[in-house]
Amino acid sequence: QVQLVESGGGLVQAGGSLRLSCAASIRTFSFYAVGWFRQAPGKEREFVAAIGWAGGNTYYSDSVKGRFTISRDNAKKMVYLQMNSLKSEDTAVYYCAADLGIQALTATPPRAGYWGQGTQVTVSS
């Protein structure tokens, strides 16, 4: 059974940093693209970042480009989202998602096959 578990969320002041982690229990994890999404109260879930199966291709939303970095460790079956220069508008529940095709993650709406339960990130101004 596929499971994605996010961790690393919390409360941070504006300008601070957090690193989110996503642990995957997918046997063939190295074949999957993984993405991060977020959903703020009263808003739709939005794309944040995605990374291809080999880690060479990365994609970011304009709102986080230059501040967030997505990376992965296939040996550990982990994906990370390093978030720097956090702003109050980054406050949301952050979800990781996985799919064999990165297009499923970057599509609107996303069509990822697997989703985690989310981790709360709160940025105080």
PDB file of N, CA and C in Angstrom:
ATOM      1  N   GLN A   1       0.842  -1.193   0.000  1.00  0.00           N
ATOM      2  CA  GLN A   1       0.000   0.000   0.000  1.00  0.00           C
ATOM      3  C   GLN A   1       0.876   1.242   0.000  1.00  0.00           C
ATOM      4  N   VAL A   2       0.545   2.171  -0.860  1.00  0.00           N
ATOM      5  CA  VAL A   2       1.337   3.388  -0.978  1.00  0.00           C
ATOM      6  C   VAL A   2       0.954   4.355   0.131  1.00  0.00           C
ATOM      7  N   GLN A   3       1.975   4.908   0.747  1.00  0.00           N
ATOM      8  CA  GLN A   3       1.741   5.904   1.789  1.00  0.00           C
ATOM      9  C   GLN A   3       2.738   7.037   1.637  1.00  0.00           C
ATOM     10  N   LEU A   4       2.268   8.254   1.785  1.00  0.00           N
ATOM     11  CA  LEU A   4       3.120   9.433   1.798  1.00  0.00           C
ATOM     12  C   LEU A   4       2.865  10.153   3.122  1.00  0.00           C
ATOM     13  N   VAL A   5       3.925  10.428   3.863  1.00  0.00           N
ATOM     14  CA  VAL A   5       3.767  11.053   5.175  1.00  0.00           C
ATOM     15  C   VAL A   5       4.636  12.303   5.232  1.00  0.00           C
ATOM     16  N   GLU A   6       3.967  13.436   5.414  1.00  0.00           N
ATOM     17  CA  GLU A   6       4.681  14.712   5.508  1.00  0.00           C
ATOM     18  C   GLU A   6       5.051  15.010   6.962  1.00  0.00           C
ATOM     19  N   SER A   7       6.135  15.738   7.126  1.00  0.00           N
ATOM     20  CA  SER A   7       6.540  16.202   8.446  1.00  0.00           C
ATOM     21  C   SER A   7       7.347  17.484   8.287  1.00  0.00           C
ATOM     22  N   GLY A   8       7.572  18.159   9.407  1.00  0.00           N
ATOM     23  CA  GLY A   8       8.410  19.347   9.387  1.00  0.00           C
ATOM     24  C   GLY A   8       7.662  20.666   9.449  1.00  0.00           C
ATOM     25  N   GLY A   9       6.351  20.603   9.415  1.00  0.00           N
ATOM     26  CA  GLY A   9       5.589  21.843   9.504  1.00  0.00           C
ATOM     27  C   GLY A   9       5.665  22.434  10.898  1.00  0.00           C
ATOM     28  N   GLY A  10       5.160  23.649  11.023  1.00  0.00           N
ATOM     29  CA  GLY A  10       5.168  24.306  12.332  1.00  0.00           C
ATOM     30  C   GLY A  10       4.920  25.788  12.203  1.00  0.00           C
ATOM     31  N   LEU A  11       5.216  26.483  13.292  1.00  0.00           N
ATOM     32  CA  LEU A  11       5.036  27.935  13.350  1.00  0.00           C
ATOM     33  C   LEU A  11       6.390  28.604  13.214  1.00  0.00           C
ATOM     34  N   VAL A  12       6.481  29.579  12.337  1.00  0.00           N
ATOM     35  CA  VAL A  12       7.737  30.281  12.105  1.00  0.00           C
ATOM     36  C   VAL A  12       7.432  31.757  11.842  1.00  0.00           C
ATOM     37  N   GLN A  13       8.360  32.603  12.184  1.00  0.00           N
ATOM     38  CA  GLN A  13       8.180  34.032  11.919  1.00  0.00           C
ATOM     39  C   GLN A  13       8.479  34.343  10.457  1.00  0.00           C
ATOM     40  N   ALA A  14       7.874  35.391   9.979  1.00  0.00           N
ATOM     41  CA  ALA A  14       8.145  35.830   8.613  1.00  0.00           C
ATOM     42  C   ALA A  14       9.648  36.066   8.440  1.00  0.00           C
ATOM     43  N   GLY A  15      10.154  35.625   7.311  1.00  0.00           N
ATOM     44  CA  GLY A  15      11.583  35.710   7.044  1.00  0.00           C
ATOM     45  C   GLY A  15      12.356  34.479   7.459  1.00  0.00           C
ATOM     46  N   GLY A  16      11.699  33.600   8.199  1.00  0.00           N
ATOM     47  CA  GLY A  16      12.360  32.392   8.669  1.00  0.00           C
ATOM     48  C   GLY A  16      12.331  31.272   7.651  1.00  0.00           C
ATOM     49  N   SER A  17      12.785  30.105   8.090  1.00  0.00           N
ATOM     50  CA  SER A  17      12.894  28.944   7.204  1.00  0.00           C
ATOM     51  C   SER A  17      12.299  27.711   7.857  1.00  0.00           C
ATOM     52  N   LEU A  18      11.846  26.802   7.027  1.00  0.00           N
ATOM     53  CA  LEU A  18      11.404  25.477   7.452  1.00  0.00           C
ATOM     54  C   LEU A  18      11.789  24.489   6.362  1.00  0.00           C
ATOM     55  N   ARG A  19      11.988  23.232   6.768  1.00  0.00           N
ATOM     56  CA  ARG A  19      12.198  22.181   5.788  1.00  0.00           C
ATOM     57  C   ARG A  19      11.140  21.112   5.989  1.00  0.00           C
ATOM     58  N   LEU A  20      10.343  20.906   4.967  1.00  0.00           N
ATOM     59  CA  LEU A  20       9.351  19.853   5.000  1.00  0.00           C
ATOM     60  C   LEU A  20       9.933  18.577   4.422  1.00  0.00           C
ATOM     61  N   SER A  21       9.494  17.455   4.960  1.00  0.00           N
ATOM     62  CA  SER A  21       9.928  16.155   4.472  1.00  0.00           C
ATOM     63  C   SER A  21       8.708  15.334   4.093  1.00  0.00           C
ATOM     64  N   CYS A  22       8.889  14.498   3.086  1.00  0.00           N
ATOM     65  CA  CYS A  22       7.845  13.584   2.663  1.00  0.00           C
ATOM     66  C   CYS A  22       8.465  12.200   2.570  1.00  0.00           C
ATOM     67  N   ALA A  23       7.992  11.292   3.407  1.00  0.00           N
ATOM     68  CA  ALA A  23       8.482   9.920   3.419  1.00  0.00           C
ATOM     69  C   ALA A  23       7.514   9.050   2.632  1.00  0.00           C
ATOM     70  N   ALA A  24       8.059   8.289   1.683  1.00  0.00           N
ATOM     71  CA  ALA A  24       7.223   7.478   0.802  1.00  0.00           C
ATOM     72  C   ALA A  24       7.429   6.003   1.077  1.00  0.00           C
ATOM     73  N   SER A  25       6.336   5.279   1.007  1.00  0.00           N
ATOM     74  CA  SER A  25       6.424   3.820   1.172  1.00  0.00           C
ATOM     75  C   SER A  25       6.148   3.139  -0.167  1.00  0.00           C
ATOM     76  N   ILE A  26       6.565   3.777  -1.252  1.00  0.00           N
ATOM     77  CA  ILE A  26       6.378   3.218  -2.591  1.00  0.00           C
ATOM     78  C   ILE A  26       7.583   2.347  -2.921  1.00  0.00           C
ATOM     79  N   ARG A  27       7.338   1.100  -3.288  1.00  0.00           N
ATOM     80  CA  ARG A  27       8.440   0.170  -3.557  1.00  0.00           C
ATOM     81  C   ARG A  27       9.321   0.662  -4.701  1.00  0.00           C
ATOM     82  N   THR A  28       8.693   1.190  -5.741  1.00  0.00           N
ATOM     83  CA  THR A  28       9.441   1.665  -6.908  1.00  0.00           C
ATOM     84  C   THR A  28       9.498   3.191  -6.891  1.00  0.00           C
ATOM     85  N   PHE A  29       9.829   3.740  -5.742  1.00  0.00           N
ATOM     86  CA  PHE A  29       9.796   5.179  -5.540  1.00  0.00           C
ATOM     87  C   PHE A  29      10.614   5.943  -6.563  1.00  0.00           C
ATOM     88  N   SER A  30      11.742   5.389  -6.954  1.00  0.00           N
ATOM     89  CA  SER A  30      12.647   6.105  -7.862  1.00  0.00           C
ATOM     90  C   SER A  30      12.024   6.324  -9.235  1.00  0.00           C
ATOM     91  N   PHE A  31      10.910   5.670  -9.533  1.00  0.00           N
ATOM     92  CA  PHE A  31      10.238   5.858 -10.819  1.00  0.00           C
ATOM     93  C   PHE A  31       9.213   6.998 -10.771  1.00  0.00           C
ATOM     94  N   TYR A  32       8.945   7.510  -9.572  1.00  0.00           N
ATOM     95  CA  TYR A  32       7.856   8.466  -9.389  1.00  0.00           C
ATOM     96  C   TYR A  32       8.349   9.913  -9.357  1.00  0.00           C
ATOM     97  N   ALA A  33       7.573  10.777  -9.985  1.00  0.00           N
ATOM     98  CA  ALA A  33       7.732  12.214  -9.768  1.00  0.00           C
ATOM     99  C   ALA A  33       6.966  12.576  -8.501  1.00  0.00           C
ATOM    100  N   VAL A  34       7.453  13.578  -7.778  1.00  0.00           N
ATOM    101  CA  VAL A  34       6.831  13.982  -6.517  1.00  0.00           C
ATOM    102  C   VAL A  34       6.648  15.491  -6.509  1.00  0.00           C
ATOM    103  N   GLY A  35       5.544  15.915  -5.964  1.00  0.00           N
ATOM    104  CA  GLY A  35       5.268  17.350  -5.908  1.00  0.00           C
ATOM    105  C   GLY A  35       4.799  17.772  -4.534  1.00  0.00           C
ATOM    106  N   TRP A  36       4.896  19.064  -4.295  1.00  0.00           N
ATOM    107  CA  TRP A  36       4.347  19.679  -3.095  1.00  0.00           C
ATOM    108  C   TRP A  36       3.230  20.633  -3.519  1.00  0.00           C
ATOM    109  N   PHE A  37       2.162  20.590  -2.750  1.00  0.00           N
ATOM    110  CA  PHE A  37       1.010  21.462  -2.961  1.00  0.00           C
ATOM    111  C   PHE A  37       0.646  22.088  -1.631  1.00  0.00           C
ATOM    112  N   ARG A  38      -0.151  23.126  -1.673  1.00  0.00           N
ATOM    113  CA  ARG A  38      -0.597  23.732  -0.421  1.00  0.00           C
ATOM    114  C   ARG A  38      -2.023  24.231  -0.564  1.00  0.00           C
ATOM    115  N   GLN A  39      -2.684  24.298   0.569  1.00  0.00           N
ATOM    116  CA  GLN A  39      -4.057  24.784   0.591  1.00  0.00           C
ATOM    117  C   GLN A  39      -4.255  25.660   1.807  1.00  0.00           C
ATOM    118  N   ALA A  40      -4.561  26.911   1.557  1.00  0.00           N
ATOM    119  CA  ALA A  40      -4.842  27.858   2.625  1.00  0.00           C
ATOM    120  C   ALA A  40      -6.352  27.854   2.897  1.00  0.00           C
ATOM    121  N   PRO A  41      -6.761  28.268   4.089  1.00  0.00           N
ATOM    122  CA  PRO A  41      -8.195  28.284   4.416  1.00  0.00           C
ATOM    123  C   PRO A  41      -8.995  29.098   3.407  1.00  0.00           C
ATOM    124  N   GLY A  42     -10.069  28.496   2.899  1.00  0.00           N
ATOM    125  CA  GLY A  42     -10.939  29.187   1.965  1.00  0.00           C
ATOM    126  C   GLY A  42     -10.418  29.265   0.548  1.00  0.00           C
ATOM    127  N   LYS A  43      -9.273  28.627   0.296  1.00  0.00           N
ATOM    128  CA  LYS A  43      -8.678  28.671  -1.045  1.00  0.00           C
ATOM    129  C   LYS A  43      -8.539  27.267  -1.606  1.00  0.00           C
ATOM    130  N   GLU A  44      -8.369  27.204  -2.918  1.00  0.00           N
ATOM    131  CA  GLU A  44      -8.167  25.922  -3.562  1.00  0.00           C
ATOM    132  C   GLU A  44      -6.727  25.458  -3.363  1.00  0.00           C
ATOM    133  N   ARG A  45      -6.544  24.153  -3.481  1.00  0.00           N
ATOM    134  CA  ARG A  45      -5.196  23.606  -3.399  1.00  0.00           C
ATOM    135  C   ARG A  45      -4.386  24.101  -4.594  1.00  0.00           C
ATOM    136  N   GLU A  46      -3.148  24.519  -4.334  1.00  0.00           N
ATOM    137  CA  GLU A  46      -2.323  25.048  -5.412  1.00  0.00           C
ATOM    138  C   GLU A  46      -0.971  24.345  -5.477  1.00  0.00           C
ATOM    139  N   PHE A  47      -0.444  24.313  -6.664  1.00  0.00           N
ATOM    140  CA  PHE A  47       0.862  23.712  -6.919  1.00  0.00           C
ATOM    141  C   PHE A  47       1.954  24.579  -6.319  1.00  0.00           C
ATOM    142  N   VAL A  48       2.960  23.932  -5.722  1.00  0.00           N
ATOM    143  CA  VAL A  48       4.102  24.648  -5.165  1.00  0.00           C
ATOM    144  C   VAL A  48       5.381  24.288  -5.914  1.00  0.00           C
ATOM    145  N   ALA A  49       5.675  22.987  -5.986  1.00  0.00           N
ATOM    146  CA  ALA A  49       6.913  22.550  -6.617  1.00  0.00           C
ATOM    147  C   ALA A  49       6.791  21.074  -6.981  1.00  0.00           C
ATOM    148  N   ALA A  50       7.606  20.654  -7.946  1.00  0.00           N
ATOM    149  CA  ALA A  50       7.635  19.248  -8.331  1.00  0.00           C
ATOM    150  C   ALA A  50       9.036  18.875  -8.769  1.00  0.00           C
ATOM    151  N   ILE A  51       9.339  17.588  -8.670  1.00  0.00           N
ATOM    152  CA  ILE A  51      10.657  17.095  -9.038  1.00  0.00           C
ATOM    153  C   ILE A  51      10.498  15.784  -9.780  1.00  0.00           C
ATOM    154  N   GLY A  52      11.253  15.620 -10.858  1.00  0.00           N
ATOM    155  CA  GLY A  52      11.192  14.411 -11.638  1.00  0.00           C
ATOM    156  C   GLY A  52      11.813  13.227 -10.923  1.00  0.00           C
ATOM    157  N   TRP A  53      11.668  12.042 -11.524  1.00  0.00           N
ATOM    158  CA  TRP A  53      12.094  10.814 -10.857  1.00  0.00           C
ATOM    159  C   TRP A  53      13.594  10.788 -10.582  1.00  0.00           C
ATOM    160  N   ALA A  54      14.387  11.396 -11.450  1.00  0.00           N
ATOM    161  CA  ALA A  54      15.833  11.384 -11.264  1.00  0.00           C
ATOM    162  C   ALA A  54      16.326  12.614 -10.516  1.00  0.00           C
ATOM    163  N   GLY A  55      15.439  13.559 -10.270  1.00  0.00           N
ATOM    164  CA  GLY A  55      15.835  14.759  -9.545  1.00  0.00           C
ATOM    165  C   GLY A  55      16.395  15.858 -10.410  1.00  0.00           C
ATOM    166  N   GLY A  56      16.561  15.584 -11.709  1.00  0.00           N
ATOM    167  CA  GLY A  56      17.167  16.590 -12.568  1.00  0.00           C
ATOM    168  C   GLY A  56      16.229  17.693 -12.997  1.00  0.00           C
ATOM    169  N   ASN A  57      14.951  17.387 -13.050  1.00  0.00           N
ATOM    170  CA  ASN A  57      13.959  18.370 -13.475  1.00  0.00           C
ATOM    171  C   ASN A  57      13.158  18.841 -12.282  1.00  0.00           C
ATOM    172  N   THR A  58      13.131  20.137 -12.104  1.00  0.00           N
ATOM    173  CA  THR A  58      12.349  20.723 -11.016  1.00  0.00           C
ATOM    174  C   THR A  58      11.458  21.838 -11.572  1.00  0.00           C
ATOM    175  N   TYR A  59      10.339  22.017 -10.916  1.00  0.00           N
ATOM    176  CA  TYR A  59       9.357  23.010 -11.344  1.00  0.00           C
ATOM    177  C   TYR A  59       8.867  23.738 -10.098  1.00  0.00           C
ATOM    178  N   TYR A  60       8.627  25.026 -10.252  1.00  0.00           N
ATOM    179  CA  TYR A  60       8.167  25.832  -9.125  1.00  0.00           C
ATOM    180  C   TYR A  60       7.062  26.780  -9.566  1.00  0.00           C
ATOM    181  N   SER A  61       6.179  27.085  -8.643  1.00  0.00           N
ATOM    182  CA  SER A  61       5.217  28.146  -8.921  1.00  0.00           C
ATOM    183  C   SER A  61       5.942  29.479  -8.831  1.00  0.00           C
ATOM    184  N   ASP A  62       5.421  30.463  -9.502  1.00  0.00           N
ATOM    185  CA  ASP A  62       6.053  31.781  -9.494  1.00  0.00           C
ATOM    186  C   ASP A  62       6.118  32.359  -8.087  1.00  0.00           C
ATOM    187  N   SER A  63       5.157  32.008  -7.260  1.00  0.00           N
ATOM    188  CA  SER A  63       5.081  32.599  -5.928  1.00  0.00           C
ATOM    189  C   SER A  63       6.182  32.105  -4.991  1.00  0.00           C
ATOM    190  N   VAL A  64       6.803  30.977  -5.306  1.00  0.00           N
ATOM    191  CA  VAL A  64       7.845  30.442  -4.415  1.00  0.00           C
ATOM    192  C   VAL A  64       9.206  30.360  -5.082  1.00  0.00           C
ATOM    193  N   LYS A  65       9.269  30.625  -6.378  1.00  0.00           N
ATOM    194  CA  LYS A  65      10.527  30.520  -7.112  1.00  0.00           C
ATOM    195  C   LYS A  65      11.584  31.431  -6.490  1.00  0.00           C
ATOM    196  N   GLY A  66      12.747  30.866  -6.256  1.00  0.00           N
ATOM    197  CA  GLY A  66      13.823  31.637  -5.652  1.00  0.00           C
ATOM    198  C   GLY A  66      13.844  31.572  -4.129  1.00  0.00           C
ATOM    199  N   ARG A  67      12.759  31.093  -3.531  1.00  0.00           N
ATOM    200  CA  ARG A  67      12.699  30.980  -2.064  1.00  0.00           C
ATOM    201  C   ARG A  67      12.635  29.528  -1.602  1.00  0.00           C
ATOM    202  N   PHE A  68      11.973  28.672  -2.374  1.00  0.00           N
ATOM    203  CA  PHE A  68      11.796  27.267  -2.020  1.00  0.00           C
ATOM    204  C   PHE A  68      12.663  26.405  -2.930  1.00  0.00           C
ATOM    205  N   THR A  69      13.136  25.280  -2.376  1.00  0.00           N
ATOM    206  CA  THR A  69      13.914  24.325  -3.149  1.00  0.00           C
ATOM    207  C   THR A  69      13.402  22.922  -2.869  1.00  0.00           C
ATOM    208  N   ILE A  70      13.068  22.202  -3.927  1.00  0.00           N
ATOM    209  CA  ILE A  70      12.636  20.818  -3.790  1.00  0.00           C
ATOM    210  C   ILE A  70      13.812  19.903  -4.121  1.00  0.00           C
ATOM    211  N   SER A  71      13.934  18.824  -3.363  1.00  0.00           N
ATOM    212  CA  SER A  71      15.006  17.859  -3.607  1.00  0.00           C
ATOM    213  C   SER A  71      14.516  16.479  -3.198  1.00  0.00           C
ATOM    214  N   ARG A  72      15.266  15.457  -3.579  1.00  0.00           N
ATOM    215  CA  ARG A  72      14.864  14.100  -3.236  1.00  0.00           C
ATOM    216  C   ARG A  72      16.076  13.231  -2.980  1.00  0.00           C
ATOM    217  N   ASP A  73      15.848  12.178  -2.201  1.00  0.00           N
ATOM    218  CA  ASP A  73      16.860  11.167  -1.923  1.00  0.00           C
ATOM    219  C   ASP A  73      16.190   9.824  -2.199  1.00  0.00           C
ATOM    220  N   ASN A  74      16.435   9.278  -3.365  1.00  0.00           N
ATOM    221  CA  ASN A  74      15.739   8.042  -3.742  1.00  0.00           C
ATOM    222  C   ASN A  74      16.136   6.863  -2.856  1.00  0.00           C
ATOM    223  N   ALA A  75      17.363   6.852  -2.387  1.00  0.00           N
ATOM    224  CA  ALA A  75      17.805   5.746  -1.526  1.00  0.00           C
ATOM    225  C   ALA A  75      17.001   5.724  -0.221  1.00  0.00           C
ATOM    226  N   LYS A  76      16.656   6.899   0.275  1.00  0.00           N
ATOM    227  CA  LYS A  76      15.886   6.999   1.513  1.00  0.00           C
ATOM    228  C   LYS A  76      14.388   7.118   1.260  1.00  0.00           C
ATOM    229  N   LYS A  77      13.998   7.215  -0.006  1.00  0.00           N
ATOM    230  CA  LYS A  77      12.596   7.388  -0.375  1.00  0.00           C
ATOM    231  C   LYS A  77      12.016   8.635   0.293  1.00  0.00           C
ATOM    232  N   MET A  78      12.763   9.720   0.174  1.00  0.00           N
ATOM    233  CA  MET A  78      12.379  10.968   0.804  1.00  0.00           C
ATOM    234  C   MET A  78      12.384  12.106  -0.219  1.00  0.00           C
ATOM    235  N   VAL A  79      11.475  13.043  -0.029  1.00  0.00           N
ATOM    236  CA  VAL A  79      11.478  14.283  -0.797  1.00  0.00           C
ATOM    237  C   VAL A  79      11.396  15.429   0.200  1.00  0.00           C
ATOM    238  N   TYR A  80      12.116  16.500  -0.093  1.00  0.00           N
ATOM    239  CA  TYR A  80      12.206  17.616   0.833  1.00  0.00           C
ATOM    240  C   TYR A  80      11.766  18.910   0.147  1.00  0.00           C
ATOM    241  N   LEU A  81      11.270  19.814   0.957  1.00  0.00           N
ATOM    242  CA  LEU A  81      10.968  21.157   0.473  1.00  0.00           C
ATOM    243  C   LEU A  81      11.598  22.138   1.451  1.00  0.00           C
ATOM    244  N   GLN A  82      12.701  22.735   1.036  1.00  0.00           N
ATOM    245  CA  GLN A  82      13.355  23.760   1.843  1.00  0.00           C
ATOM    246  C   GLN A  82      12.691  25.090   1.551  1.00  0.00           C
ATOM    247  N   MET A  83      12.155  25.707   2.590  1.00  0.00           N
ATOM    248  CA  MET A  83      11.409  26.954   2.423  1.00  0.00           C
ATOM    249  C   MET A  83      12.134  28.065   3.171  1.00  0.00           C
ATOM    250  N   ASN A  84      12.621  29.034   2.432  1.00  0.00           N
ATOM    251  CA  ASN A  84      13.327  30.178   3.004  1.00  0.00           C
ATOM    252  C   ASN A  84      12.541  31.459   2.771  1.00  0.00           C
ATOM    253  N   SER A  85      12.905  32.481   3.504  1.00  0.00           N
ATOM    254  CA  SER A  85      12.264  33.800   3.367  1.00  0.00           C
ATOM    255  C   SER A  85      10.751  33.682   3.390  1.00  0.00           C
ATOM    256  N   LEU A  86      10.264  32.953   4.375  1.00  0.00           N
ATOM    257  CA  LEU A  86       8.827  32.686   4.433  1.00  0.00           C
ATOM    258  C   LEU A  86       8.025  33.952   4.666  1.00  0.00           C
ATOM    259  N   LYS A  87       6.839  33.966   4.054  1.00  0.00           N
ATOM    260  CA  LYS A  87       5.927  35.094   4.154  1.00  0.00           C
ATOM    261  C   LYS A  87       4.612  34.625   4.765  1.00  0.00           C
ATOM    262  N   SER A  88       3.841  35.546   5.262  1.00  0.00           N
ATOM    263  CA  SER A  88       2.562  35.168   5.873  1.00  0.00           C
ATOM    264  C   SER A  88       1.654  34.469   4.860  1.00  0.00           C
ATOM    265  N   GLU A  89       1.781  34.854   3.602  1.00  0.00           N
ATOM    266  CA  GLU A  89       0.941  34.227   2.576  1.00  0.00           C
ATOM    267  C   GLU A  89       1.350  32.795   2.243  1.00  0.00           C
ATOM    268  N   ASP A  90       2.450  32.323   2.830  1.00  0.00           N
ATOM    269  CA  ASP A  90       2.839  30.924   2.675  1.00  0.00           C
ATOM    270  C   ASP A  90       2.109  30.031   3.675  1.00  0.00           C
ATOM    271  N   THR A  91       1.362  30.625   4.587  1.00  0.00           N
ATOM    272  CA  THR A  91       0.618  29.843   5.570  1.00  0.00           C
ATOM    273  C   THR A  91      -0.416  28.972   4.878  1.00  0.00           C
ATOM    274  N   ALA A  92      -0.346  27.666   5.137  1.00  0.00           N
ATOM    275  CA  ALA A  92      -1.234  26.709   4.489  1.00  0.00           C
ATOM    276  C   ALA A  92      -0.941  25.315   5.029  1.00  0.00           C
ATOM    277  N   VAL A  93      -1.786  24.384   4.665  1.00  0.00           N
ATOM    278  CA  VAL A  93      -1.465  22.970   4.843  1.00  0.00           C
ATOM    279  C   VAL A  93      -0.720  22.534   3.589  1.00  0.00           C
ATOM    280  N   TYR A  94       0.436  21.919   3.798  1.00  0.00           N
ATOM    281  CA  TYR A  94       1.279  21.482   2.687  1.00  0.00           C
ATOM    282  C   TYR A  94       1.151  19.981   2.514  1.00  0.00           C
ATOM    283  N   TYR A  95       0.946  19.569   1.270  1.00  0.00           N
ATOM    284  CA  TYR A  95       0.764  18.165   0.931  1.00  0.00           C
ATOM    285  C   TYR A  95       1.838  17.725  -0.056  1.00  0.00           C
ATOM    286  N   CYS A  96       2.297  16.496   0.083  1.00  0.00           N
ATOM    287  CA  CYS A  96       3.109  15.943  -0.987  1.00  0.00           C
ATOM    288  C   CYS A  96       2.256  14.956  -1.760  1.00  0.00           C
ATOM    289  N   ALA A  97       2.604  14.784  -3.019  1.00  0.00           N
ATOM    290  CA  ALA A  97       1.866  13.914  -3.916  1.00  0.00           C
ATOM    291  C   ALA A  97       2.856  13.247  -4.857  1.00  0.00           C
ATOM    292  N   ALA A  98       2.496  12.073  -5.340  1.00  0.00           N
ATOM    293  CA  ALA A  98       3.385  11.323  -6.210  1.00  0.00           C
ATOM    294  C   ALA A  98       2.613  10.733  -7.371  1.00  0.00           C
ATOM    295  N   ASP A  99       3.286  10.629  -8.490  1.00  0.00           N
ATOM    296  CA  ASP A  99       2.695  10.017  -9.670  1.00  0.00           C
ATOM    297  C   ASP A  99       3.817   9.588 -10.608  1.00  0.00           C
ATOM    298  N   LEU A 100       3.539   8.616 -11.453  1.00  0.00           N
ATOM    299  CA  LEU A 100       4.551   8.146 -12.397  1.00  0.00           C
ATOM    300  C   LEU A 100       4.879   9.208 -13.449  1.00  0.00           C
ATOM    301  N   GLY A 101       3.947  10.110 -13.718  1.00  0.00           N
ATOM    302  CA  GLY A 101       4.167  11.159 -14.698  1.00  0.00           C
ATOM    303  C   GLY A 101       4.168  12.532 -14.058  1.00  0.00           C
ATOM    304  N   ILE A 102       5.184  13.337 -14.327  1.00  0.00           N
ATOM    305  CA  ILE A 102       5.242  14.655 -13.709  1.00  0.00           C
ATOM    306  C   ILE A 102       4.122  15.551 -14.226  1.00  0.00           C
ATOM    307  N   GLN A 103       3.613  15.236 -15.422  1.00  0.00           N
ATOM    308  CA  GLN A 103       2.507  16.035 -15.953  1.00  0.00           C
ATOM    309  C   GLN A 103       1.277  15.958 -15.060  1.00  0.00           C
ATOM    310  N   ALA A 104       1.117  14.832 -14.370  1.00  0.00           N
ATOM    311  CA  ALA A 104      -0.021  14.681 -13.460  1.00  0.00           C
ATOM    312  C   ALA A 104       0.095  15.627 -12.274  1.00  0.00           C
ATOM    313  N   LEU A 105       1.320  16.033 -11.953  1.00  0.00           N
ATOM    314  CA  LEU A 105       1.534  16.932 -10.822  1.00  0.00           C
ATOM    315  C   LEU A 105       1.411  18.391 -11.250  1.00  0.00           C
ATOM    316  N   THR A 106       1.848  18.698 -12.449  1.00  0.00           N
ATOM    317  CA  THR A 106       1.834  20.093 -12.911  1.00  0.00           C
ATOM    318  C   THR A 106       0.535  20.475 -13.606  1.00  0.00           C
ATOM    319  N   ALA A 107      -0.343  19.502 -13.829  1.00  0.00           N
ATOM    320  CA  ALA A 107      -1.618  19.797 -14.482  1.00  0.00           C
ATOM    321  C   ALA A 107      -2.523  20.601 -13.552  1.00  0.00           C
ATOM    322  N   THR A 108      -3.468  21.297 -14.147  1.00  0.00           N
ATOM    323  CA  THR A 108      -4.463  22.052 -13.383  1.00  0.00           C
ATOM    324  C   THR A 108      -5.853  21.525 -13.732  1.00  0.00           C
ATOM    325  N   PRO A 109      -6.575  20.889 -12.794  1.00  0.00           N
ATOM    326  CA  PRO A 109      -6.123  20.542 -11.452  1.00  0.00           C
ATOM    327  C   PRO A 109      -5.149  19.362 -11.488  1.00  0.00           C
ATOM    328  N   PRO A 110      -4.385  19.161 -10.437  1.00  0.00           N
ATOM    329  CA  PRO A 110      -3.424  18.058 -10.433  1.00  0.00           C
ATOM    330  C   PRO A 110      -4.137  16.711 -10.465  1.00  0.00           C
ATOM    331  N   ARG A 111      -3.493  15.732 -11.084  1.00  0.00           N
ATOM    332  CA  ARG A 111      -4.098  14.409 -11.224  1.00  0.00           C
ATOM    333  C   ARG A 111      -3.238  13.345 -10.547  1.00  0.00           C
ATOM    334  N   ALA A 112      -2.482  13.745  -9.518  1.00  0.00           N
ATOM    335  CA  ALA A 112      -1.581  12.810  -8.861  1.00  0.00           C
ATOM    336  C   ALA A 112      -2.336  11.616  -8.294  1.00  0.00           C
ATOM    337  N   GLY A 113      -1.695  10.461  -8.388  1.00  0.00           N
ATOM    338  CA  GLY A 113      -2.344   9.252  -7.929  1.00  0.00           C
ATOM    339  C   GLY A 113      -2.318   9.069  -6.422  1.00  0.00           C
ATOM    340  N   TYR A 114      -1.297   9.627  -5.768  1.00  0.00           N
ATOM    341  CA  TYR A 114      -1.127   9.416  -4.334  1.00  0.00           C
ATOM    342  C   TYR A 114      -0.887  10.749  -3.630  1.00  0.00           C
ATOM    343  N   TRP A 115      -1.515  10.874  -2.454  1.00  0.00           N
ATOM    344  CA  TRP A 115      -1.420  12.103  -1.666  1.00  0.00           C
ATOM    345  C   TRP A 115      -1.140  11.765  -0.209  1.00  0.00           C
ATOM    346  N   GLY A 116      -0.400  12.665   0.436  1.00  0.00           N
ATOM    347  CA  GLY A 116      -0.225  12.549   1.872  1.00  0.00           C
ATOM    348  C   GLY A 116      -1.346  13.267   2.597  1.00  0.00           C
ATOM    349  N   GLN A 117      -1.275  13.247   3.939  1.00  0.00           N
ATOM    350  CA  GLN A 117      -2.325  13.839   4.758  1.00  0.00           C
ATOM    351  C   GLN A 117      -2.091  15.322   5.040  1.00  0.00           C
ATOM    352  N   GLY A 118      -0.903  15.799   4.798  1.00  0.00           N
ATOM    353  CA  GLY A 118      -0.622  17.220   4.955  1.00  0.00           C
ATOM    354  C   GLY A 118       0.048  17.571   6.265  1.00  0.00           C
ATOM    355  N   THR A 119       0.762  18.684   6.253  1.00  0.00           N
ATOM    356  CA  THR A 119       1.390  19.234   7.449  1.00  0.00           C
ATOM    357  C   THR A 119       1.176  20.741   7.450  1.00  0.00           C
ATOM    358  N   GLN A 120       0.833  21.275   8.617  1.00  0.00           N
ATOM    359  CA  GLN A 120       0.487  22.696   8.706  1.00  0.00           C
ATOM    360  C   GLN A 120       1.737  23.557   8.801  1.00  0.00           C
ATOM    361  N   VAL A 121       1.771  24.595   7.999  1.00  0.00           N
ATOM    362  CA  VAL A 121       2.820  25.613   8.080  1.00  0.00           C
ATOM    363  C   VAL A 121       2.138  26.941   8.376  1.00  0.00           C
ATOM    364  N   THR A 122       2.560  27.576   9.450  1.00  0.00           N
ATOM    365  CA  THR A 122       1.996  28.865   9.828  1.00  0.00           C
ATOM    366  C   THR A 122       3.125  29.881   9.943  1.00  0.00           C
ATOM    367  N   VAL A 123       2.999  30.956   9.191  1.00  0.00           N
ATOM    368  CA  VAL A 123       4.018  32.005   9.196  1.00  0.00           C
ATOM    369  C   VAL A 123       3.409  33.247   9.838  1.00  0.00           C
ATOM    370  N   SER A 124       4.000  33.657  10.948  1.00  0.00           N
ATOM    371  CA  SER A 124       3.482  34.824  11.654  1.00  0.00           C
ATOM    372  C   SER A 124       4.210  36.074  11.184  1.00  0.00           C
ATOM    373  N   SER A 125       3.451  37.133  11.009  1.00  0.00           N
ATOM    374  CA  SER A 125       4.052  38.390  10.519  1.00  0.00           C
ATOM    375  C   SER A 125       4.422  39.297  11.677  1.00  0.00           C
TER     376      SER A 125
END
